[in-house]
């Protein structure tokens, strides 16, 4: 899937990674897609719930050898 920007937050855990992710989305244009890469398994739930509450679309979630990748559309 194509995306407009990549954000690598590997090594960050907890709220900090989520805050950086959603601050990045806030500065993107409507319809643009952000790819987020993390090794924090807890991000799976926080990304999904934050997308729902903030009106973003979680288009894709992948996991490979402990690395999670999300594509979110603003």
PDB file of N, CA and C in Angstrom:
ATOM      1  N   UNK A   1       0.844  -1.176   0.000  1.00  0.00           N
ATOM      2  CA  UNK A   1       0.000   0.000   0.000  1.00  0.00           C
ATOM      3  C   UNK A   1       0.894   1.246   0.000  1.00  0.00           C
ATOM      4  N   UNK A   2       0.514   2.236  -0.775  1.00  0.00           N
ATOM      5  CA  UNK A   2       1.269   3.495  -0.822  1.00  0.00           C
ATOM      6  C   UNK A   2       0.967   4.343   0.404  1.00  0.00           C
ATOM      7  N   UNK A   3       1.968   5.111   0.812  1.00  0.00           N
ATOM      8  CA  UNK A   3       1.798   6.037   1.929  1.00  0.00           C
ATOM      9  C   UNK A   3       2.619   7.282   1.639  1.00  0.00           C
ATOM     10  N   UNK A   4       2.283   8.369   2.317  1.00  0.00           N
ATOM     11  CA  UNK A   4       2.919   9.659   2.058  1.00  0.00           C
ATOM     12  C   UNK A   4       4.114   9.939   2.959  1.00  0.00           C
ATOM     13  N   UNK A   5       4.124   9.349   4.138  1.00  0.00           N
ATOM     14  CA  UNK A   5       5.182   9.641   5.109  1.00  0.00           C
ATOM     15  C   UNK A   5       5.390   8.423   5.998  1.00  0.00           C
ATOM     16  N   UNK A   6       6.633   8.224   6.460  1.00  0.00           N
ATOM     17  CA  UNK A   6       6.947   7.151   7.398  1.00  0.00           C
ATOM     18  C   UNK A   6       7.428   7.753   8.708  1.00  0.00           C
ATOM     19  N   UNK A   7       6.936   7.202   9.809  1.00  0.00           N
ATOM     20  CA  UNK A   7       7.352   7.615  11.149  1.00  0.00           C
ATOM     21  C   UNK A   7       7.858   6.376  11.877  1.00  0.00           C
ATOM     22  N   UNK A   8       9.135   6.367  12.235  1.00  0.00           N
ATOM     23  CA  UNK A   8       9.748   5.245  12.942  1.00  0.00           C
ATOM     24  C   UNK A   8       9.857   5.606  14.421  1.00  0.00           C
ATOM     25  N   UNK A   9       9.056   4.941  15.249  1.00  0.00           N
ATOM     26  CA  UNK A   9       9.080   5.206  16.690  1.00  0.00           C
ATOM     27  C   UNK A   9       9.569   3.976  17.463  1.00  0.00           C
ATOM     28  N   UNK A  10      10.368   3.134  16.803  1.00  0.00           N
ATOM     29  CA  UNK A  10      10.944   1.980  17.498  1.00  0.00           C
ATOM     30  C   UNK A  10      11.785   2.480  18.669  1.00  0.00           C
ATOM     31  N   UNK A  11      11.681   1.792  19.787  1.00  0.00           N
ATOM     32  CA  UNK A  11      12.431   2.169  20.979  1.00  0.00           C
ATOM     33  C   UNK A  11      11.652   3.061  21.923  1.00  0.00           C
ATOM     34  N   UNK A  12      10.605   3.694  21.425  1.00  0.00           N
ATOM     35  CA  UNK A  12       9.748   4.515  22.287  1.00  0.00           C
ATOM     36  C   UNK A  12       8.590   3.653  22.774  1.00  0.00           C
ATOM     37  N   UNK A  13       8.256   3.791  24.039  1.00  0.00           N
ATOM     38  CA  UNK A  13       7.148   2.998  24.580  1.00  0.00           C
ATOM     39  C   UNK A  13       6.136   3.908  25.265  1.00  0.00           C
ATOM     40  N   UNK A  14       4.942   3.370  25.399  1.00  0.00           N
ATOM     41  CA  UNK A  14       3.898   4.103  26.112  1.00  0.00           C
ATOM     42  C   UNK A  14       3.344   5.272  25.320  1.00  0.00           C
ATOM     43  N   UNK A  15       2.890   6.259  26.064  1.00  0.00           N
ATOM     44  CA  UNK A  15       2.182   7.396  25.464  1.00  0.00           C
ATOM     45  C   UNK A  15       3.059   8.227  24.529  1.00  0.00           C
ATOM     46  N   UNK A  16       4.349   8.252  24.751  1.00  0.00           N
ATOM     47  CA  UNK A  16       5.210   9.110  23.937  1.00  0.00           C
ATOM     48  C   UNK A  16       5.116   8.767  22.446  1.00  0.00           C
ATOM     49  N   UNK A  17       5.155   7.481  22.125  1.00  0.00           N
ATOM     50  CA  UNK A  17       5.054   7.062  20.726  1.00  0.00           C
ATOM     51  C   UNK A  17       3.695   7.440  20.135  1.00  0.00           C
ATOM     52  N   UNK A  18       2.631   7.270  20.903  1.00  0.00           N
ATOM     53  CA  UNK A  18       1.290   7.640  20.430  1.00  0.00           C
ATOM     54  C   UNK A  18       1.169   9.138  20.216  1.00  0.00           C
ATOM     55  N   UNK A  19       1.699   9.915  21.145  1.00  0.00           N
ATOM     56  CA  UNK A  19       1.638  11.376  21.020  1.00  0.00           C
ATOM     57  C   UNK A  19       2.371  11.840  19.771  1.00  0.00           C
ATOM     58  N   UNK A  20       3.555  11.304  19.531  1.00  0.00           N
ATOM     59  CA  UNK A  20       4.322  11.677  18.338  1.00  0.00           C
ATOM     60  C   UNK A  20       3.558  11.278  17.080  1.00  0.00           C
ATOM     61  N   UNK A  21       2.963  10.084  17.094  1.00  0.00           N
ATOM     62  CA  UNK A  21       2.201   9.607  15.932  1.00  0.00           C
ATOM     63  C   UNK A  21       1.043  10.544  15.609  1.00  0.00           C
ATOM     64  N   UNK A  22       0.239  10.879  16.607  1.00  0.00           N
ATOM     65  CA  UNK A  22      -0.948  11.678  16.335  1.00  0.00           C
ATOM     66  C   UNK A  22      -0.629  13.159  16.134  1.00  0.00           C
ATOM     67  N   UNK A  23       0.473  13.641  16.677  1.00  0.00           N
ATOM     68  CA  UNK A  23       0.936  15.001  16.350  1.00  0.00           C
ATOM     69  C   UNK A  23       1.378  15.071  14.893  1.00  0.00           C
ATOM     70  N   UNK A  24       2.026  14.017  14.419  1.00  0.00           N
ATOM     71  CA  UNK A  24       2.441  13.963  13.016  1.00  0.00           C
ATOM     72  C   UNK A  24       1.220  13.977  12.106  1.00  0.00           C
ATOM     73  N   UNK A  25       0.226  13.169  12.422  1.00  0.00           N
ATOM     74  CA  UNK A  25      -1.004  13.136  11.622  1.00  0.00           C
ATOM     75  C   UNK A  25      -1.704  14.490  11.610  1.00  0.00           C
ATOM     76  N   UNK A  26      -1.672  15.171  12.731  1.00  0.00           N
ATOM     77  CA  UNK A  26      -2.319  16.477  12.842  1.00  0.00           C
ATOM     78  C   UNK A  26      -1.771  17.468  11.814  1.00  0.00           C
ATOM     79  N   UNK A  27      -0.493  17.332  11.477  1.00  0.00           N
ATOM     80  CA  UNK A  27       0.149  18.261  10.547  1.00  0.00           C
ATOM     81  C   UNK A  27       0.119  17.780   9.094  1.00  0.00           C
ATOM     82  N   UNK A  28      -0.518  16.639   8.852  1.00  0.00           N
ATOM     83  CA  UNK A  28      -0.635  16.126   7.489  1.00  0.00           C
ATOM     84  C   UNK A  28      -1.939  16.618   6.865  1.00  0.00           C
ATOM     85  N   UNK A  29      -2.011  16.529   5.544  1.00  0.00           N
ATOM     86  CA  UNK A  29      -3.209  16.940   4.818  1.00  0.00           C
ATOM     87  C   UNK A  29      -4.270  15.846   4.860  1.00  0.00           C
ATOM     88  N   UNK A  30      -5.517  16.257   4.784  1.00  0.00           N
ATOM     89  CA  UNK A  30      -6.639  15.322   4.737  1.00  0.00           C
ATOM     90  C   UNK A  30      -6.418  14.327   3.595  1.00  0.00           C
ATOM     91  N   UNK A  31      -6.584  13.037   3.883  1.00  0.00           N
ATOM     92  CA  UNK A  31      -6.431  11.997   2.871  1.00  0.00           C
ATOM     93  C   UNK A  31      -5.030  11.413   2.789  1.00  0.00           C
ATOM     94  N   UNK A  32      -4.032  12.097   3.354  1.00  0.00           N
ATOM     95  CA  UNK A  32      -2.669  11.559   3.324  1.00  0.00           C
ATOM     96  C   UNK A  32      -2.563  10.352   4.249  1.00  0.00           C
ATOM     97  N   UNK A  33      -1.572   9.490   3.940  1.00  0.00           N
ATOM     98  CA  UNK A  33      -1.387   8.255   4.694  1.00  0.00           C
ATOM     99  C   UNK A  33      -0.027   8.261   5.382  1.00  0.00           C
ATOM    100  N   UNK A  34      -0.040   7.864   6.649  1.00  0.00           N
ATOM    101  CA  UNK A  34       1.165   7.787   7.468  1.00  0.00           C
ATOM    102  C   UNK A  34       1.449   6.331   7.792  1.00  0.00           C
ATOM    103  N   UNK A  35       2.694   5.910   7.548  1.00  0.00           N
ATOM    104  CA  UNK A  35       3.141   4.577   7.954  1.00  0.00           C
ATOM    105  C   UNK A  35       3.908   4.738   9.264  1.00  0.00           C
ATOM    106  N   UNK A  36       3.501   3.990  10.285  1.00  0.00           N
ATOM    107  CA  UNK A  36       4.134   4.037  11.604  1.00  0.00           C
ATOM    108  C   UNK A  36       4.798   2.686  11.863  1.00  0.00           C
ATOM    109  N   UNK A  37       6.065   2.728  12.287  1.00  0.00           N
ATOM    110  CA  UNK A  37       6.816   1.515  12.595  1.00  0.00           C
ATOM    111  C   UNK A  37       7.198   1.559  14.070  1.00  0.00           C
ATOM    112  N   UNK A  38       6.900   0.472  14.796  1.00  0.00           N
ATOM    113  CA  UNK A  38       7.180   0.424  16.230  1.00  0.00           C
ATOM    114  C   UNK A  38       7.510  -0.999  16.666  1.00  0.00           C
ATOM    115  N   UNK A  39       8.169  -1.111  17.799  1.00  0.00           N
ATOM    116  CA  UNK A  39       8.382  -2.423  18.409  1.00  0.00           C
ATOM    117  C   UNK A  39       7.624  -2.529  19.735  1.00  0.00           C
ATOM    118  N   UNK A  40       6.754  -1.576  20.004  1.00  0.00           N
ATOM    119  CA  UNK A  40       5.935  -1.564  21.218  1.00  0.00           C
ATOM    120  C   UNK A  40       4.589  -2.226  20.915  1.00  0.00           C
ATOM    121  N   UNK A  41       4.427  -3.458  21.386  1.00  0.00           N
ATOM    122  CA  UNK A  41       3.215  -4.229  21.100  1.00  0.00           C
ATOM    123  C   UNK A  41       1.957  -3.517  21.611  1.00  0.00           C
ATOM    124  N   UNK A  42       2.071  -2.754  22.683  1.00  0.00           N
ATOM    125  CA  UNK A  42       0.918  -2.031  23.236  1.00  0.00           C
ATOM    126  C   UNK A  42       0.363  -0.999  22.253  1.00  0.00           C
ATOM    127  N   UNK A  43       1.169  -0.589  21.283  1.00  0.00           N
ATOM    128  CA  UNK A  43       0.704   0.388  20.287  1.00  0.00           C
ATOM    129  C   UNK A  43      -0.446  -0.161  19.449  1.00  0.00           C
ATOM    130  N   UNK A  44      -0.522  -1.479  19.312  1.00  0.00           N
ATOM    131  CA  UNK A  44      -1.603  -2.068  18.506  1.00  0.00           C
ATOM    132  C   UNK A  44      -2.959  -1.593  19.022  1.00  0.00           C
ATOM    133  N   UNK A  45      -3.164  -1.660  20.319  1.00  0.00           N
ATOM    134  CA  UNK A  45      -4.446  -1.245  20.903  1.00  0.00           C
ATOM    135  C   UNK A  45      -4.598   0.275  20.915  1.00  0.00           C
ATOM    136  N   UNK A  46      -3.540   0.991  21.271  1.00  0.00           N
ATOM    137  CA  UNK A  46      -3.662   2.453  21.374  1.00  0.00           C
ATOM    138  C   UNK A  46      -3.861   3.102  20.006  1.00  0.00           C
ATOM    139  N   UNK A  47      -3.197   2.587  18.983  1.00  0.00           N
ATOM    140  CA  UNK A  47      -3.380   3.132  17.630  1.00  0.00           C
ATOM    141  C   UNK A  47      -4.832   2.951  17.201  1.00  0.00           C
ATOM    142  N   UNK A  48      -5.351   1.753  17.396  1.00  0.00           N
ATOM    143  CA  UNK A  48      -6.724   1.458  16.983  1.00  0.00           C
ATOM    144  C   UNK A  48      -7.738   2.339  17.711  1.00  0.00           C
ATOM    145  N   UNK A  49      -7.623   2.427  19.033  1.00  0.00           N
ATOM    146  CA  UNK A  49      -8.606   3.217  19.786  1.00  0.00           C
ATOM    147  C   UNK A  49      -8.468   4.711  19.511  1.00  0.00           C
ATOM    148  N   UNK A  50      -7.239   5.203  19.367  1.00  0.00           N
ATOM    149  CA  UNK A  50      -7.044   6.625  19.062  1.00  0.00           C
ATOM    150  C   UNK A  50      -7.550   6.973  17.664  1.00  0.00           C
ATOM    151  N   UNK A  51      -7.344   6.089  16.706  1.00  0.00           N
ATOM    152  CA  UNK A  51      -7.873   6.339  15.360  1.00  0.00           C
ATOM    153  C   UNK A  51      -9.393   6.453  15.408  1.00  0.00           C
ATOM    154  N   UNK A  52     -10.023   5.539  16.127  1.00  0.00           N
ATOM    155  CA  UNK A  52     -11.487   5.573  16.254  1.00  0.00           C
ATOM    156  C   UNK A  52     -11.959   6.876  16.884  1.00  0.00           C
ATOM    157  N   UNK A  53     -11.328   7.280  17.970  1.00  0.00           N
ATOM    158  CA  UNK A  53     -11.808   8.465  18.689  1.00  0.00           C
ATOM    159  C   UNK A  53     -11.463   9.773  17.985  1.00  0.00           C
ATOM    160  N   UNK A  54     -10.385   9.785  17.183  1.00  0.00           N
ATOM    161  CA  UNK A  54      -9.969  11.021  16.515  1.00  0.00           C
ATOM    162  C   UNK A  54     -10.432  11.117  15.059  1.00  0.00           C
ATOM    163  N   UNK A  55     -11.060  10.061  14.555  1.00  0.00           N
ATOM    164  CA  UNK A  55     -11.609  10.104  13.206  1.00  0.00           C
ATOM    165  C   UNK A  55     -10.633   9.758  12.095  1.00  0.00           C
ATOM    166  N   UNK A  56      -9.513   9.113  12.431  1.00  0.00           N
ATOM    167  CA  UNK A  56      -8.563   8.661  11.412  1.00  0.00           C
ATOM    168  C   UNK A  56      -8.907   7.229  11.026  1.00  0.00           C
ATOM    169  N   UNK A  57      -8.466   6.807   9.830  1.00  0.00           N
ATOM    170  CA  UNK A  57      -8.744   5.449   9.365  1.00  0.00           C
ATOM    171  C   UNK A  57      -7.483   4.600   9.496  1.00  0.00           C
ATOM    172  N   UNK A  58      -7.580   3.514  10.249  1.00  0.00           N
ATOM    173  CA  UNK A  58      -6.493   2.546  10.328  1.00  0.00           C
ATOM    174  C   UNK A  58      -6.673   1.593   9.157  1.00  0.00           C
ATOM    175  N   UNK A  59      -5.827   1.741   8.142  1.00  0.00           N
ATOM    176  CA  UNK A  59      -5.991   0.992   6.902  1.00  0.00           C
ATOM    177  C   UNK A  59      -5.297  -0.363   6.921  1.00  0.00           C
ATOM    178  N   UNK A  60      -4.200  -0.460   7.682  1.00  0.00           N
ATOM    179  CA  UNK A  60      -3.417  -1.693   7.641  1.00  0.00           C
ATOM    180  C   UNK A  60      -2.621  -1.855   8.930  1.00  0.00           C
ATOM    181  N   UNK A  61      -2.556  -3.081   9.407  1.00  0.00           N
ATOM    182  CA  UNK A  61      -1.703  -3.439  10.543  1.00  0.00           C
ATOM    183  C   UNK A  61      -0.941  -4.694  10.159  1.00  0.00           C
ATOM    184  N   UNK A  62       0.383  -4.664  10.311  1.00  0.00           N
ATOM    185  CA  UNK A  62       1.216  -5.831  10.021  1.00  0.00           C
ATOM    186  C   UNK A  62       2.174  -6.046  11.178  1.00  0.00           C
ATOM    187  N   UNK A  63       2.555  -7.310  11.380  1.00  0.00           N
ATOM    188  CA  UNK A  63       3.569  -7.630  12.380  1.00  0.00           C
ATOM    189  C   UNK A  63       4.550  -8.609  11.762  1.00  0.00           C
ATOM    190  N   UNK A  64       5.838  -8.337  11.937  1.00  0.00           N
ATOM    191  CA  UNK A  64       6.880  -9.210  11.414  1.00  0.00           C
ATOM    192  C   UNK A  64       8.050  -9.209  12.391  1.00  0.00           C
ATOM    193  N   UNK A  65       8.271 -10.351  13.017  1.00  0.00           N
ATOM    194  CA  UNK A  65       9.390 -10.532  13.945  1.00  0.00           C
ATOM    195  C   UNK A  65       9.437  -9.454  15.029  1.00  0.00           C
ATOM    196  N   UNK A  66       8.279  -9.162  15.615  1.00  0.00           N
ATOM    197  CA  UNK A  66       8.215  -8.209  16.718  1.00  0.00           C
ATOM    198  C   UNK A  66       8.143  -6.749  16.325  1.00  0.00           C
ATOM    199  N   UNK A  67       8.137  -6.474  15.029  1.00  0.00           N
ATOM    200  CA  UNK A  67       8.016  -5.097  14.539  1.00  0.00           C
ATOM    201  C   UNK A  67       6.606  -4.915  13.982  1.00  0.00           C
ATOM    202  N   UNK A  68       5.916  -3.909  14.492  1.00  0.00           N
ATOM    203  CA  UNK A  68       4.569  -3.587  14.020  1.00  0.00           C
ATOM    204  C   UNK A  68       4.633  -2.446  13.022  1.00  0.00           C
ATOM    205  N   UNK A  69       3.758  -2.511  12.044  1.00  0.00           N
ATOM    206  CA  UNK A  69       3.646  -1.459  11.038  1.00  0.00           C
ATOM    207  C   UNK A  69       2.167  -1.140  10.854  1.00  0.00           C
ATOM    208  N   UNK A  70       1.848   0.141  10.890  1.00  0.00           N
ATOM    209  CA  UNK A  70       0.471   0.603  10.710  1.00  0.00           C
ATOM    210  C   UNK A  70       0.441   1.610   9.571  1.00  0.00           C
ATOM    211  N   UNK A  71      -0.631   1.601   8.807  1.00  0.00           N
ATOM    212  CA  UNK A  71      -0.869   2.676   7.849  1.00  0.00           C
ATOM    213  C   UNK A  71      -2.180   3.334   8.257  1.00  0.00           C
ATOM    214  N   UNK A  72      -2.069   4.638   8.512  1.00  0.00           N
ATOM    215  CA  UNK A  72      -3.202   5.427   9.003  1.00  0.00           C
ATOM    216  C   UNK A  72      -3.484   6.539   8.007  1.00  0.00           C
ATOM    217  N   UNK A  73      -4.752   6.706   7.659  1.00  0.00           N
ATOM    218  CA  UNK A  73      -5.147   7.796   6.762  1.00  0.00           C
ATOM    219  C   UNK A  73      -5.805   8.898   7.569  1.00  0.00           C
ATOM    220  N   UNK A  74      -5.347  10.124   7.315  1.00  0.00           N
ATOM    221  CA  UNK A  74      -5.945  11.272   8.002  1.00  0.00           C
ATOM    222  C   UNK A  74      -7.289  11.579   7.388  1.00  0.00           C
TER     223      UNK A  74
END
